[in-house]
Amino acid sequence: MRKSVVAGAVVVVAAGAWAGAPYVSGVWAEEAFRDNLKALSGNPQMDVQLKDYHRGWRHATADSRLTVHTPEKDFTFRLHHEIEHGPSFSLPALARVTTTPTVAEDQAKTVSYYFGDRAPLKLEVRIGFSGAQHMTLSSPAYHGPLHSDESVRLDWQGLSGTAELSAGHDRVRLALQAPGLKVAGDKGKVALKGLSAHSRMHKEAEDLWLGESHMALERLSLDAPNPEEGGRIRTTVENISGDQTIAEGEAKDLLNLSGGWGFERATVDGRSFTDGALAMEFDRIDRGAYRELQSRARELQSRGLDPEALNQENLALFQDLAPRFLGRSPALKISRLSVETEDGRLQATAEARYRGDSDQEQLPASAAAMLQRLTAHAKLTVAKELLATLLHATVEKSLMAKKGMDPERARQMAPQVVQMRLGMLQGMGILKAEDDHYRAEATWKEGAVTVNGRPLGMGGGPGAGAPAMPGGGAPATP
């Protein structure tokens, strides 16, 4: 008898605990929810304000306002949150938060046209018992004409994404996919295919996020009128990629920032390009100054300044923090700049370092004094045919801009002028001809410039060694 009474009591207590758990988890869920909004407001370009929160036994609702800051204007969105308290058989977790935008009455008809009764964007956050969070982001697809112009067709294949946030809110992994977007009409079209992005970041003690991000796009195409020059802009770029890394530098109080962009193939107005790449690195960045820059930039963005006032404040911010950055002897390195064209290949590298003082409290008195502390080196290799093509385009354009110049005459003169300029550059020692390409190497050291091993202006100044024109004299440059 006693055993059955005890067993019954245990069942009653367990049932009561199970029934009461949602209320307790609701208290913890509200705390986690508020922490999430606070963390989101830590972004310099965002601000989130919680307007209300109503907590019930098994569910809660909340409304917030998200403001995204840009240099031109601020964009504000109202958000609605549905919070389900766990644990339950369908939710073995602390809580699940579903967030959707609140559509204004004057926009409801337009949103319904594209998405029906579905939310245009939905974020679902599952908060685990440990505090770790799993997030999913989604946007439904749409295929059909624009609501404002039935002659234009929109093909949006939807959006999906996931994120994992650690219990300590100090590590995050993000992934995003957008299969495709196409807008096509009588005037032209633009299309994106296979957009993806992922990021892995971790937070340091001073709220500084370090880590790496990667973006990829399978194809970008554009066919549209050229408003400035007339005609059309026809461009296709395939397999675009971008990377960015923020990491600890050679010392704990220094940072290293690196990034790059590239593409596999591109066609611009009928011309083909392949293997384009840019890779660069900023080294010896003062960690404290970088963190202060982020904090003060966030404060400036939140003030809602007009563009001119914001530019002035940003200039003052640069002047205030620049001595701290320069005092750590920062360095910039372009490890790769290259592209293959129909006329040959261009590739270049460059690096520059500033010789700073650790006790530097203000900028040098003049630009000349700053340049005295700069050391830089650059190398360029370019196919002869490619350089001639690039010069031809600029020369022909400048000749046609001359008053009274006949366009046909300008086209006839351009090849001769290009050869003159190439001859001058070689005669001055700025270009070195090697097989099918030109090479140039320049160094700047404390105010002195050398080009291909020769001091600029000493035995290789303008006009020295330049080819003579028929009848004598140095060649003129139109």
Foldseek 3Di string as FASTA:
>chain_A
DVVVVVVVVVVVVVVVCQQQLQQVLQVVVVVLVVVVQVVQLLALQKHKAWPDKADDRFKIKTKMKMWGFDQAFIDIWIKIKIKGADDDPVAQAGIKIKMATDDDPVCVVQVCVFVNPDGQKMKMWTQHPLRKIKIKIKGDWGWAAHPVDRQKIKGWHIKIKMKIADNVSFKMKIKIWGAKIKIDGPFWIKMWGTKMKMWIWGADPVRDIWTKMKIWTAKIWIWHFDPPPGDIKTKMFGTKMKMWGWAQAPDNQWIKIKMKIWTAWMATPRWIKGTFMWIKMKTGFGNVLVVVVRVVSSVLSVVGDHNVVSVVVVVVSCQQSVLQRLQRFMKMWTQWGKMATPQGIKIKIKMKTFHHHNPGRGDPPDPLVRLLRMKMKMKIKFFPRVQLVVQLVVQLVVQVPDPPRDSVNSNVCSSVLSVQVVQQCVQLVQWDDDDRIIMWMWIRHSHWIDIPRHTEPPCRYGPHRRDADVVGDRDDHD
